[in-house]
PDB file of N, CA and C in Angstrom:
ATOM      1  N   MET A   1     -19.820  12.015  55.883  1.00  0.00           N
ATOM      2  CA  MET A   1     -18.933  12.158  54.726  1.00  0.00           C
ATOM      3  C   MET A   1     -18.489  13.676  54.713  1.00  0.00           C
ATOM      4  N   HIS A   2     -19.728  14.541  54.887  1.00  0.00           N
ATOM      5  CA  HIS A   2     -19.316  15.874  54.880  1.00  0.00           C
ATOM      6  C   HIS A   2     -18.264  16.538  55.585  1.00  0.00           C
ATOM      7  N   GLU A   3     -18.624  15.775  57.051  1.00  0.00           N
ATOM      8  CA  GLU A   3     -17.802  16.183  58.360  1.00  0.00           C
ATOM      9  C   GLU A   3     -16.207  15.731  58.010  1.00  0.00           C
ATOM     10  N   GLU A   4     -16.287  14.550  57.373  1.00  0.00           N
ATOM     11  CA  GLU A   4     -14.830  13.965  57.003  1.00  0.00           C
ATOM     12  C   GLU A   4     -13.979  15.042  55.829  1.00  0.00           C
ATOM     13  N   ILE A   5     -14.793  15.465  55.058  1.00  0.00           N
ATOM     14  CA  ILE A   5     -14.049  16.269  54.104  1.00  0.00           C
ATOM     15  C   ILE A   5     -13.648  17.406  54.715  1.00  0.00           C
ATOM     16  N   SER A   6     -14.263  17.982  55.510  1.00  0.00           N
ATOM     17  CA  SER A   6     -14.333  19.304  56.290  1.00  0.00           C
ATOM     18  C   SER A   6     -13.086  19.027  57.125  1.00  0.00           C
ATOM     19  N   ASN A   7     -12.830  17.979  57.971  1.00  0.00           N
ATOM     20  CA  ASN A   7     -11.721  17.474  58.813  1.00  0.00           C
ATOM     21  C   ASN A   7     -10.615  17.581  57.973  1.00  0.00           C
ATOM     22  N   ARG A   8     -10.712  16.908  56.832  1.00  0.00           N
ATOM     23  CA  ARG A   8      -9.435  16.822  55.856  1.00  0.00           C
ATOM     24  C   ARG A   8      -8.870  18.303  55.415  1.00  0.00           C
ATOM     25  N   ASP A   9     -10.018  19.031  55.097  1.00  0.00           N
ATOM     26  CA  ASP A   9      -9.638  20.469  54.559  1.00  0.00           C
ATOM     27  C   ASP A   9      -8.856  21.211  55.598  1.00  0.00           C
ATOM     28  N   ASN A  10      -9.521  20.865  56.841  1.00  0.00           N
ATOM     29  CA  ASN A  10      -9.043  21.668  57.961  1.00  0.00           C
ATOM     30  C   ASN A  10      -7.574  21.286  58.290  1.00  0.00           C
ATOM     31  N   GLU A  11      -7.274  19.773  57.875  1.00  0.00           N
ATOM     32  CA  GLU A  11      -5.896  19.288  58.279  1.00  0.00           C
ATOM     33  C   GLU A  11      -5.123  19.816  57.163  1.00  0.00           C
ATOM     34  N   ILE A  12      -5.406  20.069  56.130  1.00  0.00           N
ATOM     35  CA  ILE A  12      -4.574  20.430  54.792  1.00  0.00           C
ATOM     36  C   ILE A  12      -4.374  21.819  54.957  1.00  0.00           C
ATOM     37  N   ASP A  13      -5.257  22.622  55.407  1.00  0.00           N
ATOM     38  CA  ASP A  13      -5.104  24.062  55.932  1.00  0.00           C
ATOM     39  C   ASP A  13      -3.745  24.407  57.027  1.00  0.00           C
ATOM     40  N   ARG A  14      -4.078  23.313  58.045  1.00  0.00           N
ATOM     41  CA  ARG A  14      -2.948  23.281  59.112  1.00  0.00           C
ATOM     42  C   ARG A  14      -1.664  22.878  58.568  1.00  0.00           C
ATOM     43  N   MET A  15      -1.683  22.187  57.536  1.00  0.00           N
ATOM     44  CA  MET A  15      -0.326  21.818  57.099  1.00  0.00           C
ATOM     45  C   MET A  15       0.341  22.687  56.016  1.00  0.00           C
ATOM     46  N   LYS A  16      -0.638  23.424  55.472  1.00  0.00           N
ATOM     47  CA  LYS A  16      -0.101  24.464  54.749  1.00  0.00           C
ATOM     48  C   LYS A  16       0.528  25.483  55.479  1.00  0.00           C
ATOM     49  N   GLU A  17       0.102  25.938  56.644  1.00  0.00           N
ATOM     50  CA  GLU A  17       0.630  26.870  57.550  1.00  0.00           C
ATOM     51  C   GLU A  17       1.874  26.650  58.235  1.00  0.00           C
ATOM     52  N   ASN A  18       1.673  25.192  58.589  1.00  0.00           N
ATOM     53  CA  ASN A  18       2.866  24.679  59.272  1.00  0.00           C
ATOM     54  C   ASN A  18       4.188  24.292  58.345  1.00  0.00           C
ATOM     55  N   THR A  19       4.070  23.853  57.034  1.00  0.00           N
ATOM     56  CA  THR A  19       5.036  23.790  56.205  1.00  0.00           C
ATOM     57  C   THR A  19       5.888  24.709  55.847  1.00  0.00           C
ATOM     58  N   ILE A  20       7.127  24.646  55.721  1.00  0.00           N
ATOM     59  CA  ILE A  20       7.981  25.904  55.220  1.00  0.00           C
ATOM     60  C   ILE A  20       8.325  25.245  53.772  1.00  0.00           C
ATOM     61  N   GLN A  21       8.123  26.087  52.698  1.00  0.00           N
ATOM     62  CA  GLN A  21       8.466  25.950  51.286  1.00  0.00           C
ATOM     63  C   GLN A  21       9.575  26.538  51.063  1.00  0.00           C
ATOM     64  N   LEU A  22      10.561  25.852  50.507  1.00  0.00           N
ATOM     65  CA  LEU A  22      11.823  26.551  50.129  1.00  0.00           C
ATOM     66  C   LEU A  22      11.625  27.963  49.317  1.00  0.00           C
ATOM     67  N   ASP A  23      10.374  28.198  48.540  1.00  0.00           N
ATOM     68  CA  ASP A  23      10.246  29.402  47.866  1.00  0.00           C
ATOM     69  C   ASP A  23       9.628  30.432  48.502  1.00  0.00           C
ATOM     70  N   ASN A  24       9.102  30.179  49.625  1.00  0.00           N
ATOM     71  CA  ASN A  24       8.269  31.242  50.756  1.00  0.00           C
ATOM     72  C   ASN A  24       8.703  31.094  52.274  1.00  0.00           C
ATOM     73  N   VAL A  25       9.928  31.281  52.265  1.00  0.00           N
ATOM     74  CA  VAL A  25      10.895  31.149  53.674  1.00  0.00           C
ATOM     75  C   VAL A  25      10.657  32.750  54.308  1.00  0.00           C
ATOM     76  N   SER A  26      10.222  32.858  55.534  1.00  0.00           N
ATOM     77  CA  SER A  26      10.118  33.973  56.119  1.00  0.00           C
ATOM     78  C   SER A  26      10.468  33.788  57.416  1.00  0.00           C
ATOM     79  N   PHE A  27      11.043  34.640  58.192  1.00  0.00           N
ATOM     80  CA  PHE A  27      11.544  34.863  59.720  1.00  0.00           C
ATOM     81  C   PHE A  27      10.347  34.124  60.494  1.00  0.00           C
ATOM     82  N   LYS A  28       9.093  34.563  60.291  1.00  0.00           N
ATOM     83  CA  LYS A  28       7.996  34.358  60.866  1.00  0.00           C
ATOM     84  C   LYS A  28       7.700  32.821  61.151  1.00  0.00           C
ATOM     85  N   LYS A  29       7.643  32.102  59.644  1.00  0.00           N
ATOM     86  CA  LYS A  29       7.523  30.982  59.389  1.00  0.00           C
ATOM     87  C   LYS A  29       8.414  29.835  60.234  1.00  0.00           C
ATOM     88  N   LEU A  30       9.890  30.368  60.274  1.00  0.00           N
ATOM     89  CA  LEU A  30      10.855  29.578  60.749  1.00  0.00           C
ATOM     90  C   LEU A  30      10.839  29.722  62.252  1.00  0.00           C
ATOM     91  N   TRP A  31      10.170  30.620  62.794  1.00  0.00           N
ATOM     92  CA  TRP A  31       9.999  31.082  64.272  1.00  0.00           C
ATOM     93  C   TRP A  31       9.054  30.222  64.557  1.00  0.00           C
ATOM     94  N   SER A  32       8.149  30.232  64.058  1.00  0.00           N
ATOM     95  CA  SER A  32       6.961  29.454  64.369  1.00  0.00           C
ATOM     96  C   SER A  32       6.985  27.894  64.250  1.00  0.00           C
ATOM     97  N   ALA A  33       7.947  27.494  63.274  1.00  0.00           N
ATOM     98  CA  ALA A  33       8.374  26.179  62.919  1.00  0.00           C
ATOM     99  C   ALA A  33       9.126  25.625  64.396  1.00  0.00           C
ATOM    100  N   LEU A  34      10.125  26.807  64.752  1.00  0.00           N
ATOM    101  CA  LEU A  34      10.919  26.348  65.892  1.00  0.00           C
ATOM    102  C   LEU A  34      10.149  26.322  67.214  1.00  0.00           C
ATOM    103  N   ILE A  35       9.072  27.141  67.448  1.00  0.00           N
ATOM    104  CA  ILE A  35       8.615  27.218  68.609  1.00  0.00           C
ATOM    105  C   ILE A  35       7.372  25.682  68.665  1.00  0.00           C
ATOM    106  N   SER A  36       7.017  25.435  67.500  1.00  0.00           N
ATOM    107  CA  SER A  36       6.386  24.310  67.530  1.00  0.00           C
ATOM    108  C   SER A  36       7.051  23.064  67.759  1.00  0.00           C
ATOM    109  N   LEU A  37       8.300  22.909  67.809  1.00  0.00           N
ATOM    110  CA  LEU A  37       9.067  21.871  67.948  1.00  0.00           C
ATOM    111  C   LEU A  37       8.561  21.173  69.548  1.00  0.00           C
ATOM    112  N   PRO A  38       8.816  19.983  69.556  1.00  0.00           N
ATOM    113  CA  PRO A  38       8.867  19.117  70.970  1.00  0.00           C
ATOM    114  C   PRO A  38       9.988  19.873  71.817  1.00  0.00           C
ATOM    115  N   ILE A  39      10.094  19.757  73.045  1.00  0.00           N
ATOM    116  CA  ILE A  39      11.113  20.312  73.918  1.00  0.00           C
ATOM    117  C   ILE A  39      12.256  19.610  73.757  1.00  0.00           C
ATOM    118  N   GLY A  40      12.346  18.386  73.271  1.00  0.00           N
ATOM    119  CA  GLY A  40      13.605  17.572  73.143  1.00  0.00           C
ATOM    120  C   GLY A  40      14.127  18.101  71.776  1.00  0.00           C
ATOM    121  N   LYS A  41      13.509  18.492  70.870  1.00  0.00           N
ATOM    122  CA  LYS A  41      13.891  18.874  69.635  1.00  0.00           C
ATOM    123  C   LYS A  41      14.604  20.227  69.700  1.00  0.00           C
ATOM    124  N   LEU A  42      13.740  20.809  70.520  1.00  0.00           N
ATOM    125  CA  LEU A  42      14.075  22.428  70.442  1.00  0.00           C
ATOM    126  C   LEU A  42      15.573  22.339  71.155  1.00  0.00           C
ATOM    127  N   ILE A  43      15.588  21.639  72.451  1.00  0.00           N
ATOM    128  CA  ILE A  43      16.868  21.633  73.173  1.00  0.00           C
ATOM    129  C   ILE A  43      18.092  21.023  72.254  1.00  0.00           C
ATOM    130  N   GLY A  44      17.817  20.165  71.190  1.00  0.00           N
ATOM    131  CA  GLY A  44      18.955  19.876  70.068  1.00  0.00           C
ATOM    132  C   GLY A  44      19.396  21.120  69.406  1.00  0.00           C
ATOM    133  N   VAL A  45      18.143  21.633  68.926  1.00  0.00           N
ATOM    134  CA  VAL A  45      18.427  22.698  67.921  1.00  0.00           C
ATOM    135  C   VAL A  45      19.261  23.847  68.708  1.00  0.00           C
ATOM    136  N   GLY A  46      18.699  24.230  69.823  1.00  0.00           N
ATOM    137  CA  GLY A  46      19.526  24.992  70.616  1.00  0.00           C
ATOM    138  C   GLY A  46      21.011  24.708  71.048  1.00  0.00           C
ATOM    139  N   SER A  47      21.115  23.259  71.278  1.00  0.00           N
ATOM    140  CA  SER A  47      22.651  23.246  71.595  1.00  0.00           C
ATOM    141  C   SER A  47      23.426  23.029  70.092  1.00  0.00           C
ATOM    142  N   THR A  48      22.792  22.755  69.254  1.00  0.00           N
ATOM    143  CA  THR A  48      23.501  22.764  68.101  1.00  0.00           C
ATOM    144  C   THR A  48      23.921  24.353  67.531  1.00  0.00           C
ATOM    145  N   LEU A  49      23.259  25.187  67.745  1.00  0.00           N
ATOM    146  CA  LEU A  49      23.227  26.407  67.721  1.00  0.00           C
ATOM    147  C   LEU A  49      24.575  26.897  68.331  1.00  0.00           C
ATOM    148  N   ILE A  50      24.286  26.597  69.706  1.00  0.00           N
ATOM    149  CA  ILE A  50      25.256  27.054  70.578  1.00  0.00           C
ATOM    150  C   ILE A  50      26.937  26.570  70.495  1.00  0.00           C
ATOM    151  N   ALA A  51      26.521  25.056  69.732  1.00  0.00           N
ATOM    152  CA  ALA A  51      27.820  24.396  69.497  1.00  0.00           C
ATOM    153  C   ALA A  51      28.498  25.343  68.253  1.00  0.00           C
ATOM    154  N   VAL A  52      27.996  25.635  67.410  1.00  0.00           N
ATOM    155  CA  VAL A  52      28.319  26.081  66.304  1.00  0.00           C
ATOM    156  C   VAL A  52      28.987  27.451  66.294  1.00  0.00           C
ATOM    157  N   LEU A  53      28.070  28.241  67.429  1.00  0.00           N
ATOM    158  CA  LEU A  53      28.470  29.588  67.833  1.00  0.00           C
ATOM    159  C   LEU A  53      29.997  29.426  68.438  1.00  0.00           C
ATOM    160  N   ILE A  54      30.058  28.311  69.335  1.00  0.00           N
ATOM    161  CA  ILE A  54      31.164  28.156  70.106  1.00  0.00           C
ATOM    162  C   ILE A  54      32.401  27.843  69.202  1.00  0.00           C
ATOM    163  N   GLY A  55      32.268  27.178  68.316  1.00  0.00           N
ATOM    164  CA  GLY A  55      32.986  26.513  67.021  1.00  0.00           C
ATOM    165  C   GLY A  55      33.597  27.559  66.404  1.00  0.00           C
ATOM    166  N   VAL A  56      32.606  28.462  65.871  1.00  0.00           N
ATOM    167  CA  VAL A  56      33.064  29.758  65.194  1.00  0.00           C
ATOM    168  C   VAL A  56      33.982  30.566  66.249  1.00  0.00           C
ATOM    169  N   PHE A  57      33.735  30.857  67.120  1.00  0.00           N
ATOM    170  CA  PHE A  57      34.544  31.755  68.112  1.00  0.00           C
ATOM    171  C   PHE A  57      35.805  31.015  68.230  1.00  0.00           C
ATOM    172  N   THR A  58      36.085  29.733  68.376  1.00  0.00           N
ATOM    173  CA  THR A  58      37.345  29.072  68.661  1.00  0.00           C
ATOM    174  C   THR A  58      38.001  29.225  67.327  1.00  0.00           C
ATOM    175  N   LEU A  59      37.255  28.930  66.327  1.00  0.00           N
ATOM    176  CA  LEU A  59      38.334  29.044  64.930  1.00  0.00           C
ATOM    177  C   LEU A  59      38.610  30.193  64.755  1.00  0.00           C
ATOM    178  N   GLY A  60      37.720  31.118  65.116  1.00  0.00           N
ATOM    179  CA  GLY A  60      38.309  32.954  65.088  1.00  0.00           C
ATOM    180  C   GLY A  60      39.503  33.073  65.813  1.00  0.00           C
ATOM    181  N   SER A  61      39.471  32.603  67.070  1.00  0.00           N
ATOM    182  CA  SER A  61      40.627  32.958  68.034  1.00  0.00           C
ATOM    183  C   SER A  61      41.852  32.354  67.689  1.00  0.00           C
ATOM    184  N   LEU A  62      41.627  30.955  67.061  1.00  0.00           N
ATOM    185  CA  LEU A  62      42.875  30.322  66.572  1.00  0.00           C
ATOM    186  C   LEU A  62      43.648  31.052  65.166  1.00  0.00           C
ATOM    187  N   TYR A  63      42.539  31.637  64.292  1.00  0.00           N
ATOM    188  CA  TYR A  63      43.142  32.133  63.441  1.00  0.00           C
ATOM    189  C   TYR A  63      43.801  33.532  63.951  1.00  0.00           C
ATOM    190  N   GLU A  64      43.173  34.150  64.768  1.00  0.00           N
ATOM    191  CA  GLU A  64      43.827  35.548  65.242  1.00  0.00           C
ATOM    192  C   GLU A  64      45.392  35.211  65.951  1.00  0.00           C
ATOM    193  N   ARG A  65      45.288  34.275  66.778  1.00  0.00           N
ATOM    194  CA  ARG A  65      46.419  33.688  67.399  1.00  0.00           C
ATOM    195  C   ARG A  65      47.548  33.124  66.439  1.00  0.00           C
ATOM    196  N   THR A  66      47.199  32.616  65.671  1.00  0.00           N
ATOM    197  CA  THR A  66      48.176  32.249  64.410  1.00  0.00           C
ATOM    198  C   THR A  66      48.756  33.224  63.704  1.00  0.00           C
ATOM    199  N   GLY A  67      47.728  34.503  63.420  1.00  0.00           N
ATOM    200  CA  GLY A  67      48.470  35.578  62.614  1.00  0.00           C
ATOM    201  C   GLY A  67      49.318  36.061  63.666  1.00  0.00           C
ATOM    202  N   ALA A  68      48.988  36.477  64.797  1.00  0.00           N
ATOM    203  CA  ALA A  68      49.731  37.155  65.768  1.00  0.00           C
ATOM    204  C   ALA A  68      51.232  36.305  65.950  1.00  0.00           C
ATOM    205  N   ASN A  69      51.161  35.130  65.804  1.00  0.00           N
ATOM    206  CA  ASN A  69      52.339  34.120  66.179  1.00  0.00           C
ATOM    207  C   ASN A  69      53.028  34.354  64.844  1.00  0.00           C
ATOM    208  N   ASN A  70      52.486  34.426  63.751  1.00  0.00           N
ATOM    209  CA  ASN A  70      53.391  34.821  62.540  1.00  0.00           C
ATOM    210  C   ASN A  70      54.098  36.197  62.536  1.00  0.00           C
ATOM    211  N   GLU A  71      53.186  36.932  63.011  1.00  0.00           N
ATOM    212  CA  GLU A  71      53.979  38.363  62.768  1.00  0.00           C
ATOM    213  C   GLU A  71      55.007  38.475  63.957  1.00  0.00           C
ATOM    214  N   LEU A  72      54.851  37.712  65.097  1.00  0.00           N
ATOM    215  CA  LEU A  72      56.125  37.826  66.250  1.00  0.00           C
ATOM    216  C   LEU A  72      57.191  36.950  65.402  1.00  0.00           C
ATOM    217  N   PHE A  73      57.119  36.026  64.712  1.00  0.00           N
ATOM    218  CA  PHE A  73      58.167  35.082  64.149  1.00  0.00           C
ATOM    219  C   PHE A  73      58.763  36.058  63.218  1.00  0.00           C
ATOM    220  N   ASP A  74      57.997  36.804  62.410  1.00  0.00           N
ATOM    221  CA  ASP A  74      58.538  37.616  61.375  1.00  0.00           C
ATOM    222  C   ASP A  74      59.605  38.525  62.211  1.00  0.00           C
ATOM    223  N   LEU A  75      58.918  39.243  63.203  1.00  0.00           N
ATOM    224  CA  LEU A  75      59.758  40.263  63.916  1.00  0.00           C
ATOM    225  C   LEU A  75      61.109  39.710  64.433  1.00  0.00           C
ATOM    226  N   ARG A  76      60.921  38.490  65.253  1.00  0.00           N
ATOM    227  CA  ARG A  76      62.260  37.967  65.577  1.00  0.00           C
ATOM    228  C   ARG A  76      63.210  37.618  64.473  1.00  0.00           C
ATOM    229  N   ASN A  77      62.756  37.076  63.276  1.00  0.00           N
ATOM    230  CA  ASN A  77      63.546  36.877  62.283  1.00  0.00           C
ATOM    231  C   ASN A  77      64.279  38.197  61.859  1.00  0.00           C
ATOM    232  N   SER A  78      63.409  39.034  61.461  1.00  0.00           N
ATOM    233  CA  SER A  78      64.048  40.488  61.210  1.00  0.00           C
ATOM    234  C   SER A  78      65.156  41.026  62.261  1.00  0.00           C
ATOM    235  N   SER A  79      64.660  40.770  63.378  1.00  0.00           N
ATOM    236  CA  SER A  79      65.548  41.179  64.670  1.00  0.00           C
ATOM    237  C   SER A  79      66.815  40.745  64.440  1.00  0.00           C
ATOM    238  N   LYS A  80      66.786  39.123  64.291  1.00  0.00           N
ATOM    239  CA  LYS A  80      68.132  38.397  64.196  1.00  0.00           C
ATOM    240  C   LYS A  80      68.748  38.820  63.157  1.00  0.00           C
ATOM    241  N   GLU A  81      68.246  38.853  61.904  1.00  0.00           N
ATOM    242  CA  GLU A  81      69.144  39.609  60.826  1.00  0.00           C
ATOM    243  C   GLU A  81      69.640  40.757  60.967  1.00  0.00           C
ATOM    244  N   LEU A  82      68.987  41.741  61.607  1.00  0.00           N
ATOM    245  CA  LEU A  82      69.945  43.329  61.922  1.00  0.00           C
ATOM    246  C   LEU A  82      70.707  42.961  62.757  1.00  0.00           C
ATOM    247  N   GLN A  83      70.742  41.988  63.840  1.00  0.00           N
ATOM    248  CA  GLN A  83      71.851  41.861  64.543  1.00  0.00           C
ATOM    249  C   GLN A  83      72.855  41.142  64.025  1.00  0.00           C
ATOM    250  N   ASP A  84      72.701  40.151  63.009  1.00  0.00           N
ATOM    251  CA  ASP A  84      73.679  39.729  62.326  1.00  0.00           C
ATOM    252  C   ASP A  84      74.283  40.496  61.395  1.00  0.00           C
ATOM    253  N   GLN A  85      73.553  41.628  60.795  1.00  0.00           N
ATOM    254  CA  GLN A  85      74.086  42.569  59.933  1.00  0.00           C
ATOM    255  C   GLN A  85      75.062  43.586  60.908  1.00  0.00           C
ATOM    256  N   ASN A  86      74.525  43.817  62.047  1.00  0.00           N
ATOM    257  CA  ASN A  86      75.155  44.659  62.853  1.00  0.00           C
ATOM    258  C   ASN A  86      76.416  44.338  63.001  1.00  0.00           C
ATOM    259  N   VAL A  87      76.700  42.997  63.688  1.00  0.00           N
ATOM    260  CA  VAL A  87      77.664  42.009  63.947  1.00  0.00           C
ATOM    261  C   VAL A  87      78.758  42.190  62.539  1.00  0.00           C
ATOM    262  N   GLN A  88      78.279  42.026  61.590  1.00  0.00           N
ATOM    263  CA  GLN A  88      79.168  42.040  60.288  1.00  0.00           C
ATOM    264  C   GLN A  88      79.602  43.265  60.361  1.00  0.00           C
ATOM    265  N   LEU A  89      78.988  44.433  60.326  1.00  0.00           N
ATOM    266  CA  LEU A  89      79.389  45.600  60.180  1.00  0.00           C
ATOM    267  C   LEU A  89      80.230  46.286  61.066  1.00  0.00           C
ATOM    268  N   LYS A  90      80.444  45.589  62.562  1.00  0.00           N
ATOM    269  CA  LYS A  90      81.190  45.830  63.561  1.00  0.00           C
ATOM    270  C   LYS A  90      82.647  45.250  62.874  1.00  0.00           C
ATOM    271  N   ASP A  91      82.465  44.046  62.734  1.00  0.00           N
ATOM    272  CA  ASP A  91      83.490  43.369  62.202  1.00  0.00           C
ATOM    273  C   ASP A  91      84.549  43.962  61.318  1.00  0.00           C
ATOM    274  N   SER A  92      83.724  44.388  59.988  1.00  0.00           N
ATOM    275  CA  SER A  92      84.075  45.009  59.171  1.00  0.00           C
ATOM    276  C   SER A  92      84.998  46.251  59.337  1.00  0.00           C
ATOM    277  N   TYR A  93      84.264  46.971  60.135  1.00  0.00           N
ATOM    278  CA  TYR A  93      84.874  48.465  60.798  1.00  0.00           C
ATOM    279  C   TYR A  93      86.041  47.977  61.804  1.00  0.00           C
ATOM    280  N   ASP A  94      86.012  46.932  62.491  1.00  0.00           N
ATOM    281  CA  ASP A  94      87.160  46.585  63.160  1.00  0.00           C
ATOM    282  C   ASP A  94      88.323  46.200  62.390  1.00  0.00           C
ATOM    283  N   SER A  95      88.164  45.452  61.347  1.00  0.00           N
ATOM    284  CA  SER A  95      89.131  44.989  60.292  1.00  0.00           C
ATOM    285  C   SER A  95      89.685  46.169  59.768  1.00  0.00           C
ATOM    286  N   LEU A  96      88.915  47.094  59.100  1.00  0.00           N
ATOM    287  CA  LEU A  96      89.265  48.368  58.713  1.00  0.00           C
ATOM    288  C   LEU A  96      89.997  49.094  59.390  1.00  0.00           C
ATOM    289  N   LYS A  97      89.742  49.311  60.774  1.00  0.00           N
ATOM    290  CA  LYS A  97      90.623  50.043  61.695  1.00  0.00           C
ATOM    291  C   LYS A  97      91.815  49.336  61.723  1.00  0.00           C
ATOM    292  N   ILE A  98      92.132  48.129  61.885  1.00  0.00           N
ATOM    293  CA  ILE A  98      93.339  47.317  61.860  1.00  0.00           C
ATOM    294  C   ILE A  98      94.235  47.436  60.754  1.00  0.00           C
ATOM    295  N   GLU A  99      93.758  47.451  59.588  1.00  0.00           N
ATOM    296  CA  GLU A  99      94.251  47.637  58.157  1.00  0.00           C
ATOM    297  C   GLU A  99      95.012  49.240  58.156  1.00  0.00           C
ATOM    298  N   MET A 100      93.923  50.208  58.709  1.00  0.00           N
ATOM    299  CA  MET A 100      94.282  51.704  58.615  1.00  0.00           C
ATOM    300  C   MET A 100      95.647  51.744  59.436  1.00  0.00           C
ATOM    301  N   LYS A 101      95.390  51.089  60.835  1.00  0.00           N
ATOM    302  CA  LYS A 101      96.612  51.156  61.771  1.00  0.00           C
ATOM    303  C   LYS A 101      98.076  50.511  60.888  1.00  0.00           C
ATOM    304  N   ASN A 102      97.733  49.267  60.311  1.00  0.00           N
ATOM    305  CA  ASN A 102      99.055  48.639  59.648  1.00  0.00           C
ATOM    306  C   ASN A 102      99.513  49.694  58.366  1.00  0.00           C
ATOM    307  N   ILE A 103      98.634  50.253  57.734  1.00  0.00           N
ATOM    308  CA  ILE A 103      99.104  51.037  56.745  1.00  0.00           C
ATOM    309  C   ILE A 103      99.614  52.200  57.265  1.00  0.00           C
ATOM    310  N   LYS A 104      99.317  52.913  58.329  1.00  0.00           N
ATOM    311  CA  LYS A 104      99.721  54.001  59.289  1.00  0.00           C
ATOM    312  C   LYS A 104     101.125  53.686  59.639  1.00  0.00           C
ATOM    313  N   ASP A 105     101.329  52.153  60.401  1.00  0.00           N
ATOM    314  CA  ASP A 105     102.550  51.870  60.794  1.00  0.00           C
ATOM    315  C   ASP A 105     103.462  51.875  59.567  1.00  0.00           C
ATOM    316  N   THR A 106     103.171  50.885  58.730  1.00  0.00           N
ATOM    317  CA  THR A 106     104.114  50.706  57.474  1.00  0.00           C
ATOM    318  C   THR A 106     104.519  52.163  56.733  1.00  0.00           C
ATOM    319  N   ALA A 107     103.616  53.087  56.843  1.00  0.00           N
ATOM    320  CA  ALA A 107     104.202  54.458  56.069  1.00  0.00           C
ATOM    321  C   ALA A 107     105.139  55.294  57.089  1.00  0.00           C
ATOM    322  N   LYS A 108     105.157  55.087  58.587  1.00  0.00           N
ATOM    323  CA  LYS A 108     106.353  55.648  59.471  1.00  0.00           C
ATOM    324  C   LYS A 108     107.636  55.194  59.289  1.00  0.00           C
TER     325      LYS A 108
END
């Protein structure tokens, strides 16, 4: 009877050491819990962490590429607008030149 109580006390102490409480989480407890996992679960946790890192990297790359594409699109649009304005100015300059020539010709 005394031996059974002692075994249960030891089991309770072991469970307290290996159980992570939400109010008392430390890196040491998380690390010990990770180390005490069976190999299959450890591989699963490692694979999940790697997948999360790859996903975050991929999303970051997509975000950066999208931002660069938006800037390029804006630059192309502003360049096209400037070219259009340049053509309009050239046309108005040419028409003013023609009008000035006409005025000059009529004044003679």
